[in-house]
PDB file of all heavy atoms in Angstrom:
ATOM      1  N   GLY A   1      -2.991   3.437   2.435  1.00  0.00           N
ATOM      2  CA  GLY A   1      -2.254   3.248   1.214  1.00  0.00           C
ATOM      3  C   GLY A   1      -2.175   1.732   0.788  1.00  0.00           C
ATOM      4  O   GLY A   1      -2.250   1.490  -0.388  1.00  0.00           O
ATOM      5  N   THR A   2      -2.044   0.849   1.721  1.00  0.00           N
ATOM      6  CA  THR A   2      -1.920  -0.536   1.357  1.00  0.00           C
ATOM      7  C   THR A   2      -3.284  -0.983   0.738  1.00  0.00           C
ATOM      8  O   THR A   2      -3.283  -1.764  -0.223  1.00  0.00           O
ATOM      9  CB  THR A   2      -1.597  -1.429   2.599  1.00  0.00           C
ATOM     10  OG1 THR A   2      -2.502  -1.067   3.690  1.00  0.00           O
ATOM     11  CG2 THR A   2      -0.119  -1.244   3.063  1.00  0.00           C
ATOM     12  N   ASN A   3      -4.364  -0.544   1.329  1.00  0.00           N
ATOM     13  CA  ASN A   3      -5.651  -0.920   0.813  1.00  0.00           C
ATOM     14  C   ASN A   3      -5.960  -0.393  -0.530  1.00  0.00           C
ATOM     15  O   ASN A   3      -6.392  -1.062  -1.481  1.00  0.00           O
ATOM     16  CB  ASN A   3      -6.800  -0.511   1.791  1.00  0.00           C
ATOM     17  CG  ASN A   3      -6.983  -1.486   2.925  1.00  0.00           C
ATOM     18  OD1 ASN A   3      -7.577  -2.539   2.743  1.00  0.00           O
ATOM     19  ND2 ASN A   3      -6.398  -1.165   4.093  1.00  0.00           N
ATOM     20  N   ALA A   4      -5.580   0.897  -0.764  1.00  0.00           N
ATOM     21  CA  ALA A   4      -5.769   1.542  -2.088  1.00  0.00           C
ATOM     22  C   ALA A   4      -4.951   0.853  -3.118  1.00  0.00           C
ATOM     23  O   ALA A   4      -5.394   0.553  -4.282  1.00  0.00           O
ATOM     24  CB  ALA A   4      -5.466   3.016  -1.975  1.00  0.00           C
ATOM     25  N   ALA A   5      -3.684   0.557  -2.732  1.00  0.00           N
ATOM     26  CA  ALA A   5      -2.687  -0.116  -3.622  1.00  0.00           C
ATOM     27  C   ALA A   5      -3.261  -1.469  -4.116  1.00  0.00           C
ATOM     28  O   ALA A   5      -3.187  -1.827  -5.321  1.00  0.00           O
ATOM     29  CB  ALA A   5      -1.339  -0.145  -3.044  1.00  0.00           C
ATOM     30  N   VAL A   6      -3.627  -2.362  -3.129  1.00  0.00           N
ATOM     31  CA  VAL A   6      -3.986  -3.626  -3.491  1.00  0.00           C
ATOM     32  C   VAL A   6      -5.222  -3.664  -4.371  1.00  0.00           C
ATOM     33  O   VAL A   6      -5.367  -4.475  -5.327  1.00  0.00           O
ATOM     34  CB  VAL A   6      -4.193  -4.539  -2.251  1.00  0.00           C
ATOM     35  CG1 VAL A   6      -5.448  -4.199  -1.509  1.00  0.00           C
ATOM     36  CG2 VAL A   6      -4.207  -5.989  -2.573  1.00  0.00           C
ATOM     37  N   HIS A   7      -6.161  -2.795  -4.225  1.00  0.00           N
ATOM     38  CA  HIS A   7      -7.356  -2.777  -4.969  1.00  0.00           C
ATOM     39  C   HIS A   7      -7.104  -2.246  -6.403  1.00  0.00           C
ATOM     40  O   HIS A   7      -7.654  -2.722  -7.355  1.00  0.00           O
ATOM     41  CB  HIS A   7      -8.459  -1.981  -4.307  1.00  0.00           C
ATOM     42  CG  HIS A   7      -9.061  -2.655  -3.116  1.00  0.00           C
ATOM     43  ND1 HIS A   7      -9.592  -3.891  -3.151  1.00  0.00           N
ATOM     44  CD2 HIS A   7      -9.021  -2.309  -1.802  1.00  0.00           C
ATOM     45  CE1 HIS A   7      -9.964  -4.268  -1.943  1.00  0.00           C
ATOM     46  NE2 HIS A   7      -9.635  -3.334  -1.138  1.00  0.00           N
ATOM     47  N   LEU A   8      -6.205  -1.285  -6.537  1.00  0.00           N
ATOM     48  CA  LEU A   8      -5.867  -0.746  -7.888  1.00  0.00           C
ATOM     49  C   LEU A   8      -5.038  -1.805  -8.621  1.00  0.00           C
ATOM     50  O   LEU A   8      -5.293  -2.014  -9.803  1.00  0.00           O
ATOM     51  CB  LEU A   8      -5.109   0.543  -7.760  1.00  0.00           C
ATOM     52  CG  LEU A   8      -5.938   1.805  -7.405  1.00  0.00           C
ATOM     53  CD1 LEU A   8      -5.084   3.006  -7.151  1.00  0.00           C
ATOM     54  CD2 LEU A   8      -6.974   2.090  -8.518  1.00  0.00           C
ATOM     55  N   ALA A   9      -4.156  -2.498  -7.970  1.00  0.00           N
ATOM     56  CA  ALA A   9      -3.325  -3.532  -8.538  1.00  0.00           C
ATOM     57  C   ALA A   9      -4.271  -4.695  -8.981  1.00  0.00           C
ATOM     58  O   ALA A   9      -4.128  -5.228 -10.068  1.00  0.00           O
ATOM     59  CB  ALA A   9      -2.236  -3.989  -7.642  1.00  0.00           C
ATOM     60  N   GLY A  10      -5.211  -4.980  -8.098  1.00  0.00           N
ATOM     61  CA  GLY A  10      -6.093  -6.091  -8.395  1.00  0.00           C
ATOM     62  C   GLY A  10      -6.994  -5.797  -9.536  1.00  0.00           C
ATOM     63  O   GLY A  10      -7.414  -6.690 -10.320  1.00  0.00           O
ATOM     64  N   ALA A  11      -7.327  -4.482  -9.749  1.00  0.00           N
ATOM     65  CA  ALA A  11      -8.126  -4.168 -10.904  1.00  0.00           C
ATOM     66  C   ALA A  11      -7.341  -4.016 -12.239  1.00  0.00           C
ATOM     67  O   ALA A  11      -7.934  -3.740 -13.275  1.00  0.00           O
ATOM     68  CB  ALA A  11      -8.789  -2.792 -10.610  1.00  0.00           C
ATOM     69  N   GLY A  12      -5.982  -4.183 -12.104  1.00  0.00           N
ATOM     70  CA  GLY A  12      -5.177  -4.226 -13.379  1.00  0.00           C
ATOM     71  C   GLY A  12      -4.614  -2.887 -13.770  1.00  0.00           C
ATOM     72  O   GLY A  12      -4.350  -2.689 -14.953  1.00  0.00           O
ATOM     73  N   ILE A  13      -4.366  -1.952 -12.787  1.00  0.00           N
ATOM     74  CA  ILE A  13      -3.789  -0.685 -13.189  1.00  0.00           C
ATOM     75  C   ILE A  13      -2.466  -0.928 -13.854  1.00  0.00           C
ATOM     76  O   ILE A  13      -1.777  -1.808 -13.467  1.00  0.00           O
ATOM     77  CB  ILE A  13      -3.697   0.321 -12.018  1.00  0.00           C
ATOM     78  CG1 ILE A  13      -3.415   1.680 -12.449  1.00  0.00           C
ATOM     79  CG2 ILE A  13      -2.706  -0.237 -10.973  1.00  0.00           C
ATOM     80  CD1 ILE A  13      -3.454   2.776 -11.347  1.00  0.00           C
ATOM     81  N   GLY A  14      -2.086  -0.032 -14.806  1.00  0.00           N
ATOM     82  CA  GLY A  14      -0.842  -0.333 -15.479  1.00  0.00           C
ATOM     83  C   GLY A  14       0.428   0.091 -14.718  1.00  0.00           C
ATOM     84  O   GLY A  14       1.436  -0.685 -14.835  1.00  0.00           O
ATOM     85  N   ARG A  15       0.365   1.141 -14.008  1.00  0.00           N
ATOM     86  CA  ARG A  15       1.621   1.572 -13.267  1.00  0.00           C
ATOM     87  C   ARG A  15       1.252   2.164 -11.935  1.00  0.00           C
ATOM     88  O   ARG A  15       0.273   2.967 -11.793  1.00  0.00           O
ATOM     89  CB  ARG A  15       2.323   2.651 -14.121  1.00  0.00           C
ATOM     90  CG  ARG A  15       3.623   3.129 -13.578  1.00  0.00           C
ATOM     91  CD  ARG A  15       4.179   4.160 -14.553  1.00  0.00           C
ATOM     92  NE  ARG A  15       5.429   4.727 -14.016  1.00  0.00           N
ATOM     93  CZ  ARG A  15       5.876   5.977 -14.333  1.00  0.00           C
ATOM     94  NH1 ARG A  15       5.153   6.802 -15.097  1.00  0.00           N
ATOM     95  NH2 ARG A  15       6.991   6.405 -13.795  1.00  0.00           N
ATOM     96  N   LEU A  16       2.030   1.845 -10.889  1.00  0.00           N
ATOM     97  CA  LEU A  16       1.917   2.401  -9.581  1.00  0.00           C
ATOM     98  C   LEU A  16       3.258   2.885  -9.054  1.00  0.00           C
ATOM     99  O   LEU A  16       4.251   2.183  -9.167  1.00  0.00           O
ATOM    100  CB  LEU A  16       1.290   1.352  -8.588  1.00  0.00           C
ATOM    101  CG  LEU A  16      -0.182   1.051  -8.554  1.00  0.00           C
ATOM    102  CD1 LEU A  16      -0.456  -0.071  -7.526  1.00  0.00           C
ATOM    103  CD2 LEU A  16      -0.932   2.374  -8.168  1.00  0.00           C
ATOM    104  N   LEU A  17       3.224   4.088  -8.450  1.00  0.00           N
ATOM    105  CA  LEU A  17       4.445   4.537  -7.724  1.00  0.00           C
ATOM    106  C   LEU A  17       4.001   4.698  -6.217  1.00  0.00           C
ATOM    107  O   LEU A  17       3.140   5.371  -5.802  1.00  0.00           O
ATOM    108  CB  LEU A  17       4.861   5.895  -8.234  1.00  0.00           C
ATOM    109  CG  LEU A  17       6.054   6.540  -7.488  1.00  0.00           C
ATOM    110  CD1 LEU A  17       7.285   5.719  -7.362  1.00  0.00           C
ATOM    111  CD2 LEU A  17       6.317   7.945  -8.006  1.00  0.00           C
ATOM    112  N   LEU A  18       4.747   3.956  -5.413  1.00  0.00           N
ATOM    113  CA  LEU A  18       4.512   3.963  -3.966  1.00  0.00           C
ATOM    114  C   LEU A  18       5.480   4.818  -3.299  1.00  0.00           C
ATOM    115  O   LEU A  18       6.721   4.590  -3.367  1.00  0.00           O
ATOM    116  CB  LEU A  18       4.578   2.574  -3.403  1.00  0.00           C
ATOM    117  CG  LEU A  18       3.753   1.470  -4.119  1.00  0.00           C
ATOM    118  CD1 LEU A  18       4.036   0.110  -3.551  1.00  0.00           C
ATOM    119  CD2 LEU A  18       2.218   1.774  -4.035  1.00  0.00           C
ATOM    120  N   VAL A  19       5.038   5.782  -2.511  1.00  0.00           N
ATOM    121  CA  VAL A  19       5.974   6.807  -1.882  1.00  0.00           C
ATOM    122  C   VAL A  19       5.717   6.759  -0.379  1.00  0.00           C
ATOM    123  O   VAL A  19       4.570   6.953   0.152  1.00  0.00           O
ATOM    124  CB  VAL A  19       5.738   8.225  -2.381  1.00  0.00           C
ATOM    125  CG1 VAL A  19       6.669   9.179  -1.701  1.00  0.00           C
ATOM    126  CG2 VAL A  19       5.938   8.258  -3.897  1.00  0.00           C
ATOM    127  N   ASP A  20       6.777   6.581   0.401  1.00  0.00           N
ATOM    128  CA  ASP A  20       6.671   6.582   1.866  1.00  0.00           C
ATOM    129  C   ASP A  20       8.008   6.763   2.484  1.00  0.00           C
ATOM    130  O   ASP A  20       8.990   6.248   1.849  1.00  0.00           O
ATOM    131  CB  ASP A  20       6.032   5.250   2.380  1.00  0.00           C
ATOM    132  CG  ASP A  20       5.447   5.389   3.787  1.00  0.00           C
ATOM    133  OD1 ASP A  20       6.315   5.515   4.708  1.00  0.00           O
ATOM    134  OD2 ASP A  20       4.265   5.431   3.942  1.00  0.00           O
ATOM    135  N   TYR A  21       8.122   7.377   3.578  1.00  0.00           N
ATOM    136  CA  TYR A  21       9.387   7.551   4.259  1.00  0.00           C
ATOM    137  C   TYR A  21       9.269   7.042   5.731  1.00  0.00           C
ATOM    138  O   TYR A  21       9.632   7.760   6.639  1.00  0.00           O
ATOM    139  CB  TYR A  21       9.820   8.991   4.235  1.00  0.00           C
ATOM    140  CG  TYR A  21      11.264   9.290   4.677  1.00  0.00           C
ATOM    141  CD1 TYR A  21      12.328   8.656   3.948  1.00  0.00           C
ATOM    142  CD2 TYR A  21      11.555  10.103   5.745  1.00  0.00           C
ATOM    143  CE1 TYR A  21      13.708   8.870   4.364  1.00  0.00           C
ATOM    144  CE2 TYR A  21      12.900  10.345   6.136  1.00  0.00           C
ATOM    145  CZ  TYR A  21      13.935   9.773   5.404  1.00  0.00           C
ATOM    146  OH  TYR A  21      15.174   9.960   5.767  1.00  0.00           O
ATOM    147  N   ASP A  22       8.746   5.805   5.851  1.00  0.00           N
ATOM    148  CA  ASP A  22       8.508   5.301   7.158  1.00  0.00           C
ATOM    149  C   ASP A  22       8.796   3.830   7.190  1.00  0.00           C
ATOM    150  O   ASP A  22       8.779   3.170   6.054  1.00  0.00           O
ATOM    151  CB  ASP A  22       7.024   5.546   7.569  1.00  0.00           C
ATOM    152  CG  ASP A  22       6.866   5.483   9.085  1.00  0.00           C
ATOM    153  OD1 ASP A  22       7.851   5.224   9.780  1.00  0.00           O
ATOM    154  OD2 ASP A  22       5.692   5.488   9.456  1.00  0.00           O
ATOM    155  N   THR A  23       8.956   3.222   8.297  1.00  0.00           N
ATOM    156  CA  THR A  23       9.197   1.815   8.437  1.00  0.00           C
ATOM    157  C   THR A  23       8.069   1.141   9.208  1.00  0.00           C
ATOM    158  O   THR A  23       7.234   1.775   9.864  1.00  0.00           O
ATOM    159  CB  THR A  23      10.514   1.540   9.153  1.00  0.00           C
ATOM    160  OG1 THR A  23      10.504   2.200  10.428  1.00  0.00           O
ATOM    161  CG2 THR A  23      11.636   2.043   8.388  1.00  0.00           C
ATOM    162  N   VAL A  24       7.982  -0.222   9.089  1.00  0.00           N
ATOM    163  CA  VAL A  24       6.968  -0.999   9.752  1.00  0.00           C
ATOM    164  C   VAL A  24       7.107  -0.894  11.274  1.00  0.00           C
ATOM    165  O   VAL A  24       8.166  -1.084  11.761  1.00  0.00           O
ATOM    166  CB  VAL A  24       6.916  -2.442   9.287  1.00  0.00           C
ATOM    167  CG1 VAL A  24       5.872  -3.267   9.957  1.00  0.00           C
ATOM    168  CG2 VAL A  24       6.757  -2.495   7.711  1.00  0.00           C
ATOM    169  N   GLU A  25       5.945  -0.631  11.890  1.00  0.00           N
ATOM    170  CA  GLU A  25       5.930  -0.664  13.394  1.00  0.00           C
ATOM    171  C   GLU A  25       4.824  -1.684  13.813  1.00  0.00           C
ATOM    172  O   GLU A  25       3.755  -1.757  13.216  1.00  0.00           O
ATOM    173  CB  GLU A  25       5.470   0.721  13.914  1.00  0.00           C
ATOM    174  CG  GLU A  25       6.488   1.808  13.683  1.00  0.00           C
ATOM    175  CD  GLU A  25       6.027   3.127  14.279  1.00  0.00           C
ATOM    176  OE1 GLU A  25       5.920   3.207  15.551  1.00  0.00           O
ATOM    177  OE2 GLU A  25       5.793   4.090  13.510  1.00  0.00           O
ATOM    178  N   GLU A  26       5.171  -2.476  14.891  1.00  0.00           N
ATOM    179  CA  GLU A  26       4.259  -3.542  15.253  1.00  0.00           C
ATOM    180  C   GLU A  26       2.893  -3.013  15.665  1.00  0.00           C
ATOM    181  O   GLU A  26       1.879  -3.639  15.525  1.00  0.00           O
ATOM    182  CB  GLU A  26       4.913  -4.335  16.422  1.00  0.00           C
ATOM    183  CG  GLU A  26       4.087  -5.503  16.886  1.00  0.00           C
ATOM    184  CD  GLU A  26       4.827  -6.345  17.888  1.00  0.00           C
ATOM    185  OE1 GLU A  26       5.996  -6.068  18.165  1.00  0.00           O
ATOM    186  OE2 GLU A  26       4.157  -7.313  18.404  1.00  0.00           O
ATOM    187  N   ARG A  27       2.859  -1.791  16.309  1.00  0.00           N
ATOM    188  CA  ARG A  27       1.623  -1.251  16.806  1.00  0.00           C
ATOM    189  C   ARG A  27       0.620  -0.893  15.679  1.00  0.00           C
ATOM    190  O   ARG A  27      -0.572  -0.700  15.958  1.00  0.00           O
ATOM    191  CB  ARG A  27       1.897   0.028  17.631  1.00  0.00           C
ATOM    192  CG  ARG A  27       2.400   1.148  16.797  1.00  0.00           C
ATOM    193  CD  ARG A  27       2.621   2.435  17.581  1.00  0.00           C
ATOM    194  NE  ARG A  27       3.064   3.514  16.826  1.00  0.00           N
ATOM    195  CZ  ARG A  27       3.029   4.769  17.188  1.00  0.00           C
ATOM    196  NH1 ARG A  27       2.474   5.157  18.322  1.00  0.00           N
ATOM    197  NH2 ARG A  27       3.447   5.760  16.370  1.00  0.00           N
ATOM    198  N   ASN A  28       1.132  -0.854  14.426  1.00  0.00           N
ATOM    199  CA  ASN A  28       0.215  -0.557  13.307  1.00  0.00           C
ATOM    200  C   ASN A  28      -0.215  -1.684  12.518  1.00  0.00           C
ATOM    201  O   ASN A  28      -1.001  -1.555  11.551  1.00  0.00           O
ATOM    202  CB  ASN A  28       0.869   0.489  12.393  1.00  0.00           C
ATOM    203  CG  ASN A  28       1.186   1.788  13.029  1.00  0.00           C
ATOM    204  OD1 ASN A  28       0.482   2.291  13.899  1.00  0.00           O
ATOM    205  ND2 ASN A  28       2.297   2.434  12.645  1.00  0.00           N
ATOM    206  N   LEU A  29       0.205  -2.901  12.894  1.00  0.00           N
ATOM    207  CA  LEU A  29      -0.031  -4.059  12.027  1.00  0.00           C
ATOM    208  C   LEU A  29      -1.537  -4.468  11.945  1.00  0.00           C
ATOM    209  O   LEU A  29      -1.948  -5.164  11.071  1.00  0.00           O
ATOM    210  CB  LEU A  29       0.753  -5.236  12.563  1.00  0.00           C
ATOM    211  CG  LEU A  29       2.250  -5.214  12.420  1.00  0.00           C
ATOM    212  CD1 LEU A  29       2.919  -6.377  12.920  1.00  0.00           C
ATOM    213  CD2 LEU A  29       2.653  -5.020  10.952  1.00  0.00           C
ATOM    214  N   ASN A  30      -2.309  -3.926  12.873  1.00  0.00           N
ATOM    215  CA  ASN A  30      -3.735  -4.274  12.823  1.00  0.00           C
ATOM    216  C   ASN A  30      -4.399  -3.847  11.655  1.00  0.00           C
ATOM    217  O   ASN A  30      -5.477  -4.425  11.212  1.00  0.00           O
ATOM    218  CB  ASN A  30      -4.468  -3.700  14.119  1.00  0.00           C
ATOM    219  CG  ASN A  30      -4.600  -2.216  14.044  1.00  0.00           C
ATOM    220  OD1 ASN A  30      -3.624  -1.529  13.948  1.00  0.00           O
ATOM    221  ND2 ASN A  30      -5.833  -1.669  14.215  1.00  0.00           N
ATOM    222  N   ARG A  31      -3.969  -2.735  11.031  1.00  0.00           N
ATOM    223  CA  ARG A  31      -4.618  -2.218   9.895  1.00  0.00           C
ATOM    224  C   ARG A  31      -3.686  -2.085   8.643  1.00  0.00           C
ATOM    225  O   ARG A  31      -4.066  -1.592   7.585  1.00  0.00           O
ATOM    226  CB  ARG A  31      -5.208  -0.784  10.127  1.00  0.00           C
ATOM    227  CG  ARG A  31      -4.122   0.192  10.445  1.00  0.00           C
ATOM    228  CD  ARG A  31      -4.748   1.576  10.851  1.00  0.00           C
ATOM    229  NE  ARG A  31      -3.750   2.578  11.145  1.00  0.00           N
ATOM    230  CZ  ARG A  31      -3.063   2.585  12.254  1.00  0.00           C
ATOM    231  NH1 ARG A  31      -3.260   1.792  13.234  1.00  0.00           N
ATOM    232  NH2 ARG A  31      -2.122   3.562  12.394  1.00  0.00           N
TER     233      ARG A  31
END
C-alpha cells in the first residue's frame, strides 16, 4: 500500500483514501 500510494500521489492523482486498521511494527520496516 505504501508503494502504490506514493506512486499514485507522485503521478498527481486527485484524491486518495487510505484504509488500514493496523499500527507500525518494527519487524515490518524493511519494506
